[in-house]
Amino acid sequence: MSEVQSEVRVRNVSTRRSDSFMESAMEFGGGVVRLGFSVATLPLALLPSESRMHMRNATKELFYAFAELPRDFANIAGKEIEAWAAEGEEPTVAPKDELTKF
């Protein structure tokens, strides 16, 4: 039996390297945040599937509430500003003083 030798081609993949301190710090910070998020959500992963679904829905509703809060404040402030501006649109008469002959 003759042995067939074949070549295995290996592709060189260059890794992105940067000596920037800021990029390194951001990558490290992102890793810390991901690790913290994973540790914080670990108890949720241990819950039964129905409880996880309820927690997910409750969290989604909470995020929607926080997202709508600035809009609600803006709507309330807009109404108050319009009411305040409408009060100031009344014609004003200059006060009479001693020098006015009318």
PDB file of N, CA and C in Angstrom:
ATOM      1  N   MET A   1       0.827  -1.172   0.000  1.00  0.00           N
ATOM      2  CA  MET A   1       0.000   0.000   0.000  1.00  0.00           C
ATOM      3  C   MET A   1       0.871   1.234   0.000  1.00  0.00           C
ATOM      4  N   SER A   2       0.460   2.076  -0.842  1.00  0.00           N
ATOM      5  CA  SER A   2       1.224   3.316  -0.874  1.00  0.00           C
ATOM      6  C   SER A   2       0.484   4.372  -0.061  1.00  0.00           C
ATOM      7  N   GLU A   3       1.234   5.080   0.635  1.00  0.00           N
ATOM      8  CA  GLU A   3       0.657   6.092   1.515  1.00  0.00           C
ATOM      9  C   GLU A   3       0.594   7.416   0.764  1.00  0.00           C
ATOM     10  N   VAL A   4      -0.585   8.020   0.745  1.00  0.00           N
ATOM     11  CA  VAL A   4      -0.779   9.292   0.051  1.00  0.00           C
ATOM     12  C   VAL A   4      -0.641  10.407   1.077  1.00  0.00           C
ATOM     13  N   GLN A   5       0.254  11.269   0.768  1.00  0.00           N
ATOM     14  CA  GLN A   5       0.430  12.414   1.658  1.00  0.00           C
ATOM     15  C   GLN A   5      -0.276  13.607   1.042  1.00  0.00           C
ATOM     16  N   SER A   6      -1.042  14.247   1.852  1.00  0.00           N
ATOM     17  CA  SER A   6      -1.723  15.443   1.350  1.00  0.00           C
ATOM     18  C   SER A   6      -1.317  16.638   2.194  1.00  0.00           C
ATOM     19  N   GLU A   7      -1.386  17.727   1.569  1.00  0.00           N
ATOM     20  CA  GLU A   7      -1.024  18.967   2.236  1.00  0.00           C
ATOM     21  C   GLU A   7      -2.236  19.554   2.920  1.00  0.00           C
ATOM     22  N   VAL A   8      -2.048  20.023   4.096  1.00  0.00           N
ATOM     23  CA  VAL A   8      -3.110  20.713   4.800  1.00  0.00           C
ATOM     24  C   VAL A   8      -2.771  22.193   4.756  1.00  0.00           C
ATOM     25  N   ARG A   9      -3.664  22.915   4.155  1.00  0.00           N
ATOM     26  CA  ARG A   9      -3.416  24.356   4.045  1.00  0.00           C
ATOM     27  C   ARG A   9      -3.941  25.042   5.302  1.00  0.00           C
ATOM     28  N   VAL A  10      -3.141  25.858   5.850  1.00  0.00           N
ATOM     29  CA  VAL A  10      -3.507  26.626   7.035  1.00  0.00           C
ATOM     30  C   VAL A  10      -3.560  28.084   6.630  1.00  0.00           C
ATOM     31  N   ARG A  11      -4.674  28.691   6.954  1.00  0.00           N
ATOM     32  CA  ARG A  11      -4.844  30.090   6.593  1.00  0.00           C
ATOM     33  C   ARG A  11      -4.325  30.964   7.730  1.00  0.00           C
ATOM     34  N   ASN A  12      -3.553  31.929   7.368  1.00  0.00           N
ATOM     35  CA  ASN A  12      -3.044  32.877   8.354  1.00  0.00           C
ATOM     36  C   ASN A  12      -4.116  33.917   8.634  1.00  0.00           C
ATOM     37  N   VAL A  13      -4.482  34.051   9.851  1.00  0.00           N
ATOM     38  CA  VAL A  13      -5.440  35.072  10.247  1.00  0.00           C
ATOM     39  C   VAL A  13      -4.706  36.034  11.153  1.00  0.00           C
ATOM     40  N   SER A  14      -4.620  37.242  10.693  1.00  0.00           N
ATOM     41  CA  SER A  14      -3.912  38.211  11.512  1.00  0.00           C
ATOM     42  C   SER A  14      -4.852  38.719  12.595  1.00  0.00           C
ATOM     43  N   THR A  15      -4.342  38.794  13.782  1.00  0.00           N
ATOM     44  CA  THR A  15      -5.137  39.307  14.885  1.00  0.00           C
ATOM     45  C   THR A  15      -4.969  40.811  14.946  1.00  0.00           C
ATOM     46  N   ARG A  16      -6.039  41.441  15.345  1.00  0.00           N
ATOM     47  CA  ARG A  16      -5.999  42.887  15.436  1.00  0.00           C
ATOM     48  C   ARG A  16      -5.298  43.260  16.729  1.00  0.00           C
ATOM     49  N   ARG A  17      -4.227  43.973  16.591  1.00  0.00           N
ATOM     50  CA  ARG A  17      -3.481  44.403  17.767  1.00  0.00           C
ATOM     51  C   ARG A  17      -3.416  45.909  17.760  1.00  0.00           C
ATOM     52  N   SER A  18      -3.586  46.445  18.907  1.00  0.00           N
ATOM     53  CA  SER A  18      -3.499  47.882  19.042  1.00  0.00           C
ATOM     54  C   SER A  18      -2.830  48.175  20.370  1.00  0.00           C
ATOM     55  N   ASP A  19      -2.006  49.145  20.353  1.00  0.00           N
ATOM     56  CA  ASP A  19      -1.314  49.509  21.580  1.00  0.00           C
ATOM     57  C   ASP A  19      -2.008  50.667  22.289  1.00  0.00           C
ATOM     58  N   SER A  20      -3.212  50.974  21.836  1.00  0.00           N
ATOM     59  CA  SER A  20      -3.928  52.095  22.429  1.00  0.00           C
ATOM     60  C   SER A  20      -4.415  51.717  23.825  1.00  0.00           C
ATOM     61  N   PHE A  21      -4.091  52.537  24.775  1.00  0.00           N
ATOM     62  CA  PHE A  21      -4.516  52.302  26.155  1.00  0.00           C
ATOM     63  C   PHE A  21      -6.024  52.380  26.278  1.00  0.00           C
ATOM     64  N   MET A  22      -6.636  53.328  25.573  1.00  0.00           N
ATOM     65  CA  MET A  22      -8.089  53.496  25.662  1.00  0.00           C
ATOM     66  C   MET A  22      -8.821  52.266  25.125  1.00  0.00           C
ATOM     67  N   GLU A  23      -8.359  51.735  24.006  1.00  0.00           N
ATOM     68  CA  GLU A  23      -9.004  50.544  23.452  1.00  0.00           C
ATOM     69  C   GLU A  23      -8.859  49.364  24.401  1.00  0.00           C
ATOM     70  N   SER A  24      -7.689  49.221  24.978  1.00  0.00           N
ATOM     71  CA  SER A  24      -7.477  48.134  25.938  1.00  0.00           C
ATOM     72  C   SER A  24      -8.370  48.310  27.159  1.00  0.00           C
ATOM     73  N   ALA A  25      -8.480  49.538  27.638  1.00  0.00           N
ATOM     74  CA  ALA A  25      -9.323  49.813  28.801  1.00  0.00           C
ATOM     75  C   ALA A  25     -10.791  49.545  28.484  1.00  0.00           C
ATOM     76  N   MET A  26     -11.226  49.916  27.281  1.00  0.00           N
ATOM     77  CA  MET A  26     -12.625  49.694  26.897  1.00  0.00           C
ATOM     78  C   MET A  26     -12.921  48.195  26.759  1.00  0.00           C
ATOM     79  N   GLU A  27     -11.990  47.449  26.192  1.00  0.00           N
ATOM     80  CA  GLU A  27     -12.179  46.007  26.075  1.00  0.00           C
ATOM     81  C   GLU A  27     -12.236  45.363  27.456  1.00  0.00           C
ATOM     82  N   PHE A  28     -11.365  45.800  28.356  1.00  0.00           N
ATOM     83  CA  PHE A  28     -11.368  45.271  29.713  1.00  0.00           C
ATOM     84  C   PHE A  28     -12.682  45.624  30.417  1.00  0.00           C
ATOM     85  N   GLY A  29     -13.102  46.875  30.276  1.00  0.00           N
ATOM     86  CA  GLY A  29     -14.363  47.306  30.894  1.00  0.00           C
ATOM     87  C   GLY A  29     -15.549  46.536  30.348  1.00  0.00           C
ATOM     88  N   GLY A  30     -15.561  46.303  29.033  1.00  0.00           N
ATOM     89  CA  GLY A  30     -16.641  45.524  28.441  1.00  0.00           C
ATOM     90  C   GLY A  30     -16.668  44.105  28.975  1.00  0.00           C
ATOM     91  N   GLY A  31     -15.486  43.518  29.152  1.00  0.00           N
ATOM     92  CA  GLY A  31     -15.412  42.170  29.715  1.00  0.00           C
ATOM     93  C   GLY A  31     -15.918  42.123  31.144  1.00  0.00           C
ATOM     94  N   VAL A  32     -15.585  43.150  31.922  1.00  0.00           N
ATOM     95  CA  VAL A  32     -16.046  43.208  33.312  1.00  0.00           C
ATOM     96  C   VAL A  32     -17.567  43.345  33.351  1.00  0.00           C
ATOM     97  N   VAL A  33     -18.119  44.183  32.467  1.00  0.00           N
ATOM     98  CA  VAL A  33     -19.573  44.369  32.433  1.00  0.00           C
ATOM     99  C   VAL A  33     -20.263  43.069  32.017  1.00  0.00           C
ATOM    100  N   ARG A  34     -19.730  42.404  30.997  1.00  0.00           N
ATOM    101  CA  ARG A  34     -20.323  41.133  30.567  1.00  0.00           C
ATOM    102  C   ARG A  34     -20.267  40.092  31.674  1.00  0.00           C
ATOM    103  N   LEU A  35     -19.139  40.022  32.381  1.00  0.00           N
ATOM    104  CA  LEU A  35     -19.007  39.081  33.485  1.00  0.00           C
ATOM    105  C   LEU A  35     -20.006  39.405  34.593  1.00  0.00           C
ATOM    106  N   GLY A  36     -20.115  40.676  34.936  1.00  0.00           N
ATOM    107  CA  GLY A  36     -21.065  41.082  35.971  1.00  0.00           C
ATOM    108  C   GLY A  36     -22.501  40.773  35.583  1.00  0.00           C
ATOM    109  N   PHE A  37     -22.836  41.016  34.317  1.00  0.00           N
ATOM    110  CA  PHE A  37     -24.185  40.714  33.840  1.00  0.00           C
ATOM    111  C   PHE A  37     -24.449  39.211  33.904  1.00  0.00           C
ATOM    112  N   SER A  38     -23.458  38.421  33.521  1.00  0.00           N
ATOM    113  CA  SER A  38     -23.625  36.963  33.567  1.00  0.00           C
ATOM    114  C   SER A  38     -23.827  36.481  35.000  1.00  0.00           C
ATOM    115  N   VAL A  39     -23.059  37.030  35.918  1.00  0.00           N
ATOM    116  CA  VAL A  39     -23.194  36.626  37.325  1.00  0.00           C
ATOM    117  C   VAL A  39     -24.547  37.076  37.875  1.00  0.00           C
ATOM    118  N   ALA A  40     -24.982  38.280  37.488  1.00  0.00           N
ATOM    119  CA  ALA A  40     -26.259  38.795  37.993  1.00  0.00           C
ATOM    120  C   ALA A  40     -27.441  38.011  37.443  1.00  0.00           C
ATOM    121  N   THR A  41     -27.341  37.516  36.226  1.00  0.00           N
ATOM    122  CA  THR A  41     -28.464  36.791  35.628  1.00  0.00           C
ATOM    123  C   THR A  41     -28.392  35.281  35.862  1.00  0.00           C
ATOM    124  N   LEU A  42     -27.360  34.821  36.509  1.00  0.00           N
ATOM    125  CA  LEU A  42     -27.239  33.384  36.775  1.00  0.00           C
ATOM    126  C   LEU A  42     -28.424  32.831  37.566  1.00  0.00           C
ATOM    127  N   PRO A  43     -28.883  33.498  38.628  1.00  0.00           N
ATOM    128  CA  PRO A  43     -30.052  32.961  39.346  1.00  0.00           C
ATOM    129  C   PRO A  43     -31.290  32.851  38.460  1.00  0.00           C
ATOM    130  N   LEU A  44     -31.431  33.764  37.497  1.00  0.00           N
ATOM    131  CA  LEU A  44     -32.583  33.691  36.599  1.00  0.00           C
ATOM    132  C   LEU A  44     -32.510  32.465  35.708  1.00  0.00           C
ATOM    133  N   ALA A  45     -31.313  32.080  35.332  1.00  0.00           N
ATOM    134  CA  ALA A  45     -31.152  30.898  34.477  1.00  0.00           C
ATOM    135  C   ALA A  45     -31.513  29.620  35.223  1.00  0.00           C
ATOM    136  N   LEU A  46     -31.457  29.666  36.538  1.00  0.00           N
ATOM    137  CA  LEU A  46     -31.774  28.479  37.326  1.00  0.00           C
ATOM    138  C   LEU A  46     -33.269  28.335  37.594  1.00  0.00           C
ATOM    139  N   LEU A  47     -34.053  29.366  37.275  1.00  0.00           N
ATOM    140  CA  LEU A  47     -35.492  29.317  37.502  1.00  0.00           C
ATOM    141  C   LEU A  47     -36.176  28.398  36.489  1.00  0.00           C
ATOM    142  N   PRO A  48     -37.365  27.915  36.822  1.00  0.00           N
ATOM    143  CA  PRO A  48     -38.140  27.162  35.828  1.00  0.00           C
ATOM    144  C   PRO A  48     -38.507  28.056  34.644  1.00  0.00           C
ATOM    145  N   SER A  49     -38.804  27.467  33.520  1.00  0.00           N
ATOM    146  CA  SER A  49     -39.020  28.245  32.289  1.00  0.00           C
ATOM    147  C   SER A  49     -40.185  29.219  32.414  1.00  0.00           C
ATOM    148  N   GLU A  50     -41.254  28.845  33.081  1.00  0.00           N
ATOM    149  CA  GLU A  50     -42.395  29.753  33.214  1.00  0.00           C
ATOM    150  C   GLU A  50     -42.030  30.975  34.056  1.00  0.00           C
ATOM    151  N   SER A  51     -41.288  30.764  35.115  1.00  0.00           N
ATOM    152  CA  SER A  51     -40.851  31.883  35.957  1.00  0.00           C
ATOM    153  C   SER A  51     -39.896  32.795  35.193  1.00  0.00           C
ATOM    154  N   ARG A  52     -39.024  32.198  34.391  1.00  0.00           N
ATOM    155  CA  ARG A  52     -38.125  33.012  33.566  1.00  0.00           C
ATOM    156  C   ARG A  52     -38.917  33.881  32.605  1.00  0.00           C
ATOM    157  N   MET A  53     -39.980  33.308  32.026  1.00  0.00           N
ATOM    158  CA  MET A  53     -40.803  34.063  31.095  1.00  0.00           C
ATOM    159  C   MET A  53     -41.477  35.241  31.806  1.00  0.00           C
ATOM    160  N   HIS A  54     -41.981  35.007  33.019  1.00  0.00           N
ATOM    161  CA  HIS A  54     -42.611  36.090  33.782  1.00  0.00           C
ATOM    162  C   HIS A  54     -41.599  37.179  34.126  1.00  0.00           C
ATOM    163  N   MET A  55     -40.401  36.781  34.531  1.00  0.00           N
ATOM    164  CA  MET A  55     -39.358  37.760  34.855  1.00  0.00           C
ATOM    165  C   MET A  55     -38.965  38.559  33.619  1.00  0.00           C
ATOM    166  N   ARG A  56     -38.857  37.883  32.487  1.00  0.00           N
ATOM    167  CA  ARG A  56     -38.498  38.566  31.244  1.00  0.00           C
ATOM    168  C   ARG A  56     -39.574  39.585  30.865  1.00  0.00           C
ATOM    169  N   ASN A  57     -40.851  39.199  30.965  1.00  0.00           N
ATOM    170  CA  ASN A  57     -41.938  40.111  30.634  1.00  0.00           C
ATOM    171  C   ASN A  57     -41.987  41.301  31.601  1.00  0.00           C
ATOM    172  N   ALA A  58     -41.758  41.036  32.881  1.00  0.00           N
ATOM    173  CA  ALA A  58     -41.760  42.113  33.868  1.00  0.00           C
ATOM    174  C   ALA A  58     -40.608  43.083  33.608  1.00  0.00           C
ATOM    175  N   THR A  59     -39.449  42.550  33.268  1.00  0.00           N
ATOM    176  CA  THR A  59     -38.298  43.405  32.970  1.00  0.00           C
ATOM    177  C   THR A  59     -38.559  44.238  31.725  1.00  0.00           C
ATOM    178  N   LYS A  60     -39.172  43.637  30.716  1.00  0.00           N
ATOM    179  CA  LYS A  60     -39.487  44.361  29.488  1.00  0.00           C
ATOM    180  C   LYS A  60     -40.448  45.513  29.778  1.00  0.00           C
ATOM    181  N   GLU A  61     -41.477  45.253  30.577  1.00  0.00           N
ATOM    182  CA  GLU A  61     -42.434  46.301  30.938  1.00  0.00           C
ATOM    183  C   GLU A  61     -41.760  47.419  31.729  1.00  0.00           C
ATOM    184  N   LEU A  62     -40.833  47.054  32.602  1.00  0.00           N
ATOM    185  CA  LEU A  62     -40.107  48.058  33.372  1.00  0.00           C
ATOM    186  C   LEU A  62     -39.267  48.939  32.456  1.00  0.00           C
ATOM    187  N   PHE A  63     -38.593  48.330  31.489  1.00  0.00           N
ATOM    188  CA  PHE A  63     -37.796  49.120  30.542  1.00  0.00           C
ATOM    189  C   PHE A  63     -38.686  50.028  29.703  1.00  0.00           C
ATOM    190  N   TYR A  64     -39.865  49.537  29.297  1.00  0.00           N
ATOM    191  CA  TYR A  64     -40.789  50.387  28.551  1.00  0.00           C
ATOM    192  C   TYR A  64     -41.229  51.582  29.400  1.00  0.00           C
ATOM    193  N   ALA A  65     -41.482  51.332  30.683  1.00  0.00           N
ATOM    194  CA  ALA A  65     -41.898  52.426  31.567  1.00  0.00           C
ATOM    195  C   ALA A  65     -40.799  53.476  31.684  1.00  0.00           C
ATOM    196  N   PHE A  66     -39.546  53.041  31.844  1.00  0.00           N
ATOM    197  CA  PHE A  66     -38.445  54.001  31.925  1.00  0.00           C
ATOM    198  C   PHE A  66     -38.250  54.737  30.612  1.00  0.00           C
ATOM    199  N   ALA A  67     -38.497  54.067  29.487  1.00  0.00           N
ATOM    200  CA  ALA A  67     -38.330  54.708  28.188  1.00  0.00           C
ATOM    201  C   ALA A  67     -39.423  55.751  27.953  1.00  0.00           C
ATOM    202  N   GLU A  68     -40.627  55.521  28.461  1.00  0.00           N
ATOM    203  CA  GLU A  68     -41.726  56.455  28.241  1.00  0.00           C
ATOM    204  C   GLU A  68     -41.739  57.599  29.252  1.00  0.00           C
ATOM    205  N   LEU A  69     -41.006  57.483  30.322  1.00  0.00           N
ATOM    206  CA  LEU A  69     -41.005  58.503  31.366  1.00  0.00           C
ATOM    207  C   LEU A  69     -40.589  59.882  30.856  1.00  0.00           C
ATOM    208  N   PRO A  70     -39.495  60.021  30.110  1.00  0.00           N
ATOM    209  CA  PRO A  70     -39.136  61.360  29.610  1.00  0.00           C
ATOM    210  C   PRO A  70     -40.212  61.955  28.695  1.00  0.00           C
ATOM    211  N   ARG A  71     -40.869  61.105  27.894  1.00  0.00           N
ATOM    212  CA  ARG A  71     -41.923  61.608  27.015  1.00  0.00           C
ATOM    213  C   ARG A  71     -43.095  62.133  27.840  1.00  0.00           C
ATOM    214  N   ASP A  72     -43.458  61.420  28.905  1.00  0.00           N
ATOM    215  CA  ASP A  72     -44.546  61.874  29.758  1.00  0.00           C
ATOM    216  C   ASP A  72     -44.195  63.192  30.431  1.00  0.00           C
ATOM    217  N   PHE A  73     -42.960  63.307  30.922  1.00  0.00           N
ATOM    218  CA  PHE A  73     -42.530  64.580  31.509  1.00  0.00           C
ATOM    219  C   PHE A  73     -42.584  65.699  30.487  1.00  0.00           C
ATOM    220  N   ALA A  74     -42.153  65.425  29.260  1.00  0.00           N
ATOM    221  CA  ALA A  74     -42.171  66.442  28.211  1.00  0.00           C
ATOM    222  C   ALA A  74     -43.603  66.855  27.881  1.00  0.00           C
ATOM    223  N   ASN A  75     -44.530  65.916  27.843  1.00  0.00           N
ATOM    224  CA  ASN A  75     -45.926  66.246  27.558  1.00  0.00           C
ATOM    225  C   ASN A  75     -46.520  67.130  28.654  1.00  0.00           C
ATOM    226  N   ILE A  76     -46.248  66.770  29.901  1.00  0.00           N
ATOM    227  CA  ILE A  76     -46.760  67.570  31.023  1.00  0.00           C
ATOM    228  C   ILE A  76     -46.151  68.961  30.998  1.00  0.00           C
ATOM    229  N   ALA A  77     -44.838  69.028  30.799  1.00  0.00           N
ATOM    230  CA  ALA A  77     -44.169  70.333  30.759  1.00  0.00           C
ATOM    231  C   ALA A  77     -44.676  71.156  29.581  1.00  0.00           C
ATOM    232  N   GLY A  78     -44.914  70.519  28.434  1.00  0.00           N
ATOM    233  CA  GLY A  78     -45.414  71.239  27.259  1.00  0.00           C
ATOM    234  C   GLY A  78     -46.765  71.868  27.523  1.00  0.00           C
ATOM    235  N   LYS A  79     -47.667  71.135  28.181  1.00  0.00           N
ATOM    236  CA  LYS A  79     -48.986  71.687  28.507  1.00  0.00           C
ATOM    237  C   LYS A  79     -48.864  72.881  29.452  1.00  0.00           C
ATOM    238  N   GLU A  80     -48.009  72.746  30.448  1.00  0.00           N
ATOM    239  CA  GLU A  80     -47.830  73.844  31.408  1.00  0.00           C
ATOM    240  C   GLU A  80     -47.203  75.069  30.745  1.00  0.00           C
ATOM    241  N   ILE A  81     -46.255  74.842  29.848  1.00  0.00           N
ATOM    242  CA  ILE A  81     -45.613  75.969  29.159  1.00  0.00           C
ATOM    243  C   ILE A  81     -46.618  76.671  28.252  1.00  0.00           C
ATOM    244  N   GLU A  82     -47.464  75.900  27.563  1.00  0.00           N
ATOM    245  CA  GLU A  82     -48.491  76.513  26.708  1.00  0.00           C
ATOM    246  C   GLU A  82     -49.479  77.315  27.540  1.00  0.00           C
ATOM    247  N   ALA A  83     -49.881  76.796  28.696  1.00  0.00           N
ATOM    248  CA  ALA A  83     -50.792  77.534  29.584  1.00  0.00           C
ATOM    249  C   ALA A  83     -50.127  78.811  30.083  1.00  0.00           C
ATOM    250  N   TRP A  84     -48.857  78.727  30.436  1.00  0.00           N
ATOM    251  CA  TRP A  84     -48.126  79.903  30.907  1.00  0.00           C
ATOM    252  C   TRP A  84     -47.987  80.936  29.795  1.00  0.00           C
ATOM    253  N   ALA A  85     -47.702  80.479  28.574  1.00  0.00           N
ATOM    254  CA  ALA A  85     -47.549  81.397  27.448  1.00  0.00           C
ATOM    255  C   ALA A  85     -48.881  82.048  27.100  1.00  0.00           C
ATOM    256  N   ALA A  86     -49.994  81.315  27.240  1.00  0.00           N
ATOM    257  CA  ALA A  86     -51.311  81.875  26.945  1.00  0.00           C
ATOM    258  C   ALA A  86     -51.667  82.964  27.949  1.00  0.00           C
ATOM    259  N   GLU A  87     -51.243  82.808  29.188  1.00  0.00           N
ATOM    260  CA  GLU A  87     -51.496  83.847  30.203  1.00  0.00           C
ATOM    261  C   GLU A  87     -50.758  85.134  29.863  1.00  0.00           C
ATOM    262  N   GLY A  88     -49.607  85.034  29.288  1.00  0.00           N
ATOM    263  CA  GLY A  88     -48.802  86.210  28.983  1.00  0.00           C
ATOM    264  C   GLY A  88     -49.214  86.918  27.707  1.00  0.00           C
ATOM    265  N   GLU A  89     -50.191  86.371  26.950  1.00  0.00           N
ATOM    266  CA  GLU A  89     -50.583  86.970  25.681  1.00  0.00           C
ATOM    267  C   GLU A  89     -51.649  88.039  25.831  1.00  0.00           C
ATOM    268  N   GLU A  90     -52.124  88.304  27.035  1.00  0.00           N
ATOM    269  CA  GLU A  90     -53.115  89.354  27.247  1.00  0.00           C
ATOM    270  C   GLU A  90     -52.483  90.698  26.932  1.00  0.00           C
ATOM    271  N   PRO A  91     -53.271  91.587  26.323  1.00  0.00           N
ATOM    272  CA  PRO A  91     -52.689  92.909  26.020  1.00  0.00           C
ATOM    273  C   PRO A  91     -52.346  93.640  27.321  1.00  0.00           C
ATOM    274  N   THR A  92     -51.183  94.148  27.345  1.00  0.00           N
ATOM    275  CA  THR A  92     -50.741  94.852  28.547  1.00  0.00           C
ATOM    276  C   THR A  92     -50.769  96.353  28.279  1.00  0.00           C
ATOM    277  N   VAL A  93     -51.185  97.091  29.273  1.00  0.00           N
ATOM    278  CA  VAL A  93     -51.228  98.549  29.189  1.00  0.00           C
ATOM    279  C   VAL A  93     -50.115  99.067  30.071  1.00  0.00           C
ATOM    280  N   ALA A  94     -49.358  99.965  29.509  1.00  0.00           N
ATOM    281  CA  ALA A  94     -48.262 100.535  30.279  1.00  0.00           C
ATOM    282  C   ALA A  94     -48.831 101.309  31.453  1.00  0.00           C
ATOM    283  N   PRO A  95     -48.231 101.177  32.602  1.00  0.00           N
ATOM    284  CA  PRO A  95     -48.735 101.919  33.756  1.00  0.00           C
ATOM    285  C   PRO A  95     -48.534 103.425  33.557  1.00  0.00           C
ATOM    286  N   LYS A  96     -49.519 104.164  34.057  1.00  0.00           N
ATOM    287  CA  LYS A  96     -49.423 105.625  33.932  1.00  0.00           C
ATOM    288  C   LYS A  96     -48.524 106.147  35.041  1.00  0.00           C
ATOM    289  N   ASP A  97     -47.765 107.123  34.666  1.00  0.00           N
ATOM    290  CA  ASP A  97     -46.918 107.752  35.679  1.00  0.00           C
ATOM    291  C   ASP A  97     -47.221 109.235  35.705  1.00  0.00           C
ATOM    292  N   GLU A  98     -46.495 109.960  36.479  1.00  0.00           N
ATOM    293  CA  GLU A  98     -46.773 111.385  36.654  1.00  0.00           C
ATOM    294  C   GLU A  98     -46.527 112.175  35.377  1.00  0.00           C
ATOM    295  N   LEU A  99     -45.695 111.695  34.481  1.00  0.00           N
ATOM    296  CA  LEU A  99     -45.357 112.456  33.278  1.00  0.00           C
ATOM    297  C   LEU A  99     -46.336 112.228  32.139  1.00  0.00           C
ATOM    298  N   THR A 100     -47.201 111.216  32.246  1.00  0.00           N
ATOM    299  CA  THR A 100     -48.149 110.945  31.178  1.00  0.00           C
ATOM    300  C   THR A 100     -49.335 111.884  31.309  1.00  0.00           C
ATOM    301  N   LYS A 101     -49.800 112.479  30.183  1.00  0.00           N
ATOM    302  CA  LYS A 101     -50.895 113.450  30.240  1.00  0.00           C
ATOM    303  C   LYS A 101     -52.219 112.824  29.838  1.00  0.00           C
ATOM    304  N   PHE A 102     -52.388 111.579  29.794  1.00  0.00           N
ATOM    305  CA  PHE A 102     -53.658 110.970  29.399  1.00  0.00           C
ATOM    306  C   PHE A 102     -54.424 110.546  30.581  1.00  0.00           C
TER     307      PHE A 102
END
